[in-house]
């Protein structure tokens, strides 16, 4: 019977370590509300067949919603437990969804049409540089939950969701 106690303790320690491990790279898992998930995809205004990327996809909610709208969805997540959960949650969408156990700072966003992120504020300048780098040949739309990009005006805002376009539209 003691083995059950130690198994529960070990699982608890692993969960805490997986949660803490992601902090130096972005933000801890905090799920986006269902209403905000739909509003974020509405702000991006992507068409079926376009590529949606969720940087830090957590449990895969946005990936599932995106796939149900006919988008190709790619999620990046560092927490291995969340990767497994997101893969299970999105399995029914087959090839339309990919969940990558990877650091999104190394992601290739050259195919992305729309990107969602719920990141901590002090990483927003770094995200801005990443998107500028990957949007040289095409436009990428970004929706950020709760945090603005310093020095940039969002194209639109809905509550705590901010829409940016890379490269910036010519005025």
Protein backbone atom coordinates (compact mmCIF):
# COMPACT_ATOMS: atom_id res chain seq x y z
CA UNK A 1 0.00 0.00 0.00
CA UNK A 2 2.89 2.38 0.59
CA UNK A 3 3.76 2.25 -3.08
CA UNK A 4 0.50 4.08 -3.90
CA UNK A 5 1.47 6.92 -1.58
CA UNK A 6 4.92 7.21 -3.15
CA UNK A 7 3.50 6.99 -6.67
CA UNK A 8 1.14 9.88 -5.92
CA UNK A 9 4.01 11.90 -4.41
CA UNK A 10 6.23 11.18 -7.43
CA UNK A 11 3.51 12.22 -9.87
CA UNK A 12 2.91 15.39 -7.87
CA UNK A 13 6.60 16.26 -7.92
CA UNK A 14 6.78 15.64 -11.68
CA UNK A 15 3.77 17.87 -12.29
CA UNK A 16 5.27 20.70 -10.23
CA UNK A 17 8.64 20.36 -11.97
CA UNK A 18 6.99 20.40 -15.41
CA UNK A 19 5.09 23.55 -14.43
CA UNK A 20 8.21 25.30 -13.09
CA UNK A 21 10.40 24.21 -16.04
CA UNK A 22 8.57 26.47 -18.51
CA UNK A 23 8.97 29.69 -16.50
CA UNK A 24 12.35 30.76 -17.96
CA UNK A 25 10.97 30.37 -21.50
CA UNK A 26 7.61 32.11 -21.29
CA UNK A 27 4.65 31.75 -19.03
CA UNK A 28 3.14 29.07 -16.82
CA UNK A 29 0.00 27.33 -17.99
CA UNK A 30 -3.06 29.47 -17.50
CA UNK A 31 -5.96 28.44 -19.71
CA UNK A 32 -7.56 30.99 -21.98
CA UNK A 33 -11.26 31.33 -21.25
CA UNK A 34 -13.63 29.66 -23.75
CA UNK A 35 -15.18 32.98 -24.76
CA UNK A 36 -11.73 34.54 -25.30
CA UNK A 37 -10.64 31.54 -27.36
CA UNK A 38 -13.44 32.08 -29.87
CA UNK A 39 -12.95 35.86 -29.83
CA UNK A 40 -9.22 35.43 -30.51
CA UNK A 41 -9.92 33.32 -33.59
CA UNK A 42 -12.57 35.81 -34.72
CA UNK A 43 -10.02 38.65 -34.44
CA UNK A 44 -7.52 36.70 -36.54
CA UNK A 45 -10.20 36.23 -39.24
CA UNK A 46 -8.45 33.28 -40.86
CA UNK A 47 -9.97 31.31 -43.74
CA UNK A 48 -10.24 27.51 -43.95
CA UNK A 49 -6.93 25.98 -44.97
CA UNK A 50 -4.84 28.76 -43.45
CA UNK A 51 -2.31 28.00 -40.71
CA UNK A 52 -3.02 28.92 -37.09
CA UNK A 53 -0.18 28.66 -34.53
CA UNK A 54 -0.66 28.67 -30.76
CA UNK A 55 2.58 29.52 -28.96
CA UNK A 56 2.25 27.74 -25.65
CA UNK A 57 -0.84 25.72 -26.57
CA UNK A 58 -1.45 24.29 -23.10
CA UNK A 59 -4.29 21.81 -23.18
CA UNK A 60 -5.04 22.42 -26.89
CA UNK A 61 -8.40 24.21 -26.62
CA UNK A 62 -7.58 26.81 -29.29
CA UNK A 63 -6.12 24.16 -31.59
CA UNK A 64 -9.36 22.16 -31.42
CA UNK A 65 -11.50 25.23 -32.10
CA UNK A 66 -9.25 26.27 -34.99
CA UNK A 67 -9.37 22.80 -36.54
CA UNK A 68 -13.15 22.70 -36.21
CA UNK A 69 -13.22 25.89 -38.32
CA UNK A 70 -11.18 24.21 -41.07
CA UNK A 71 -7.81 25.73 -40.15
CA UNK A 72 -4.55 23.84 -40.04
CA UNK A 73 -3.38 24.23 -36.44
CA UNK A 74 0.07 23.92 -34.89
CA UNK A 75 0.71 24.16 -31.17
CA UNK A 76 3.99 24.50 -29.32
CA UNK A 77 4.23 23.45 -25.67
CA UNK A 78 7.09 22.69 -23.27
CA UNK A 79 5.15 20.92 -20.53
CA UNK A 80 5.14 17.23 -21.52
CA UNK A 81 1.93 16.51 -19.58
CA UNK A 82 0.09 19.27 -21.44
CA UNK A 83 1.51 18.04 -24.75
CA UNK A 84 0.02 14.61 -24.11
CA UNK A 85 -3.31 16.11 -23.06
CA UNK A 86 -3.43 18.42 -26.10
CA UNK A 87 -2.58 15.57 -28.46
CA UNK A 88 -5.38 13.48 -26.98
CA UNK A 89 -7.82 16.37 -27.15
CA UNK A 90 -7.06 17.12 -30.81
CA UNK A 91 -6.57 13.55 -32.07
CA UNK A 92 -9.95 13.52 -33.82
CA UNK A 93 -8.79 16.29 -36.19
CA UNK A 94 -6.05 14.09 -37.62
CA UNK A 95 -3.49 15.81 -39.83
CA UNK A 96 -5.10 19.24 -39.39
CA UNK A 97 -3.52 19.56 -35.91
CA UNK A 98 0.09 19.12 -34.82
CA UNK A 99 1.13 19.51 -31.20
CA UNK A 100 4.88 19.91 -30.89
CA UNK A 101 6.80 19.34 -27.68
CA UNK A 102 9.11 22.22 -28.36
CA UNK A 103 10.26 25.67 -27.31
CA UNK A 104 8.31 28.14 -29.45
CA UNK A 105 11.23 30.58 -29.47
CA UNK A 106 12.79 28.17 -31.98
CA UNK A 107 9.58 27.73 -33.97
CA UNK A 108 9.50 28.21 -37.72
CA UNK A 109 6.60 30.59 -38.24
CA UNK A 110 7.20 31.10 -41.95
CA UNK A 111 3.94 29.26 -42.82
CA UNK A 112 1.85 30.88 -40.08
CA UNK A 113 -1.07 33.05 -41.12
CA UNK A 114 -2.28 33.68 -37.58
CA UNK A 115 -0.60 33.34 -34.19
CA UNK A 116 -2.03 33.37 -30.68
CA UNK A 117 -0.03 33.91 -27.51
CA UNK A 118 -0.77 34.34 -23.81
CA UNK A 119 2.68 35.39 -22.71
CA UNK A 120 4.17 37.33 -19.81
CA UNK A 121 4.70 41.05 -20.52
CA UNK A 122 8.49 41.16 -20.35
CA UNK A 123 8.72 38.69 -23.27
CA UNK A 124 6.62 40.78 -25.65
CA UNK A 125 9.57 42.68 -27.21
CA UNK A 126 11.28 39.37 -27.92
CA UNK A 127 8.07 38.07 -29.52
CA UNK A 128 7.91 41.21 -31.66
CA UNK A 129 11.41 40.48 -33.01
CA UNK A 130 10.50 36.84 -33.69
CA UNK A 131 7.44 37.81 -35.70
CA UNK A 132 9.29 40.52 -37.63
CA UNK A 133 11.89 37.90 -38.57
CA UNK A 134 9.30 35.39 -39.85
CA UNK A 135 7.04 37.84 -41.68
CA UNK A 136 9.53 38.93 -44.33
CA UNK A 137 7.72 37.13 -47.16
CA UNK A 138 4.12 37.20 -45.98
CA UNK A 139 1.73 38.74 -43.50
CA UNK A 140 1.25 37.21 -40.05
CA UNK A 141 -1.57 38.24 -37.75
CA UNK A 142 -0.98 38.03 -34.00
CA UNK A 143 -3.49 38.03 -31.18
CA UNK A 144 -1.99 38.55 -27.76
CA UNK A 145 -4.02 37.82 -24.65
CA UNK A 146 -3.62 40.40 -21.85
CA UNK A 147 -0.25 41.87 -22.86
CA UNK A 148 0.52 44.55 -25.44
CA UNK A 149 3.66 44.80 -27.51
CA UNK A 150 5.63 47.79 -26.23
CA UNK A 151 5.81 50.65 -28.72
CA UNK A 152 3.17 49.23 -31.06
CA UNK A 153 -0.46 50.12 -31.45
CA UNK A 154 -2.78 47.17 -31.87
CA UNK A 155 -4.79 47.19 -35.07
CA UNK A 156 -7.88 46.14 -33.09
CA UNK A 157 -8.72 45.28 -29.51
CA UNK A 158 -11.50 43.21 -28.01
CA UNK A 159 -11.40 43.21 -24.23
CA UNK A 160 -7.96 41.96 -23.23
CA UNK A 161 -7.17 40.63 -26.73
CA UNK A 162 -4.87 42.69 -28.96
CA UNK A 163 -4.52 42.18 -32.72
CA UNK A 164 -1.26 43.06 -34.48
CA UNK A 165 -0.24 42.53 -38.09
CA UNK A 166 3.29 41.73 -39.30
CA UNK A 167 4.63 43.32 -41.37
CA UNK A 168 2.61 46.36 -40.43
CA UNK A 169 0.06 47.34 -43.09
CA UNK A 170 1.20 50.26 -45.22
CA UNK A 171 -0.79 53.42 -44.57
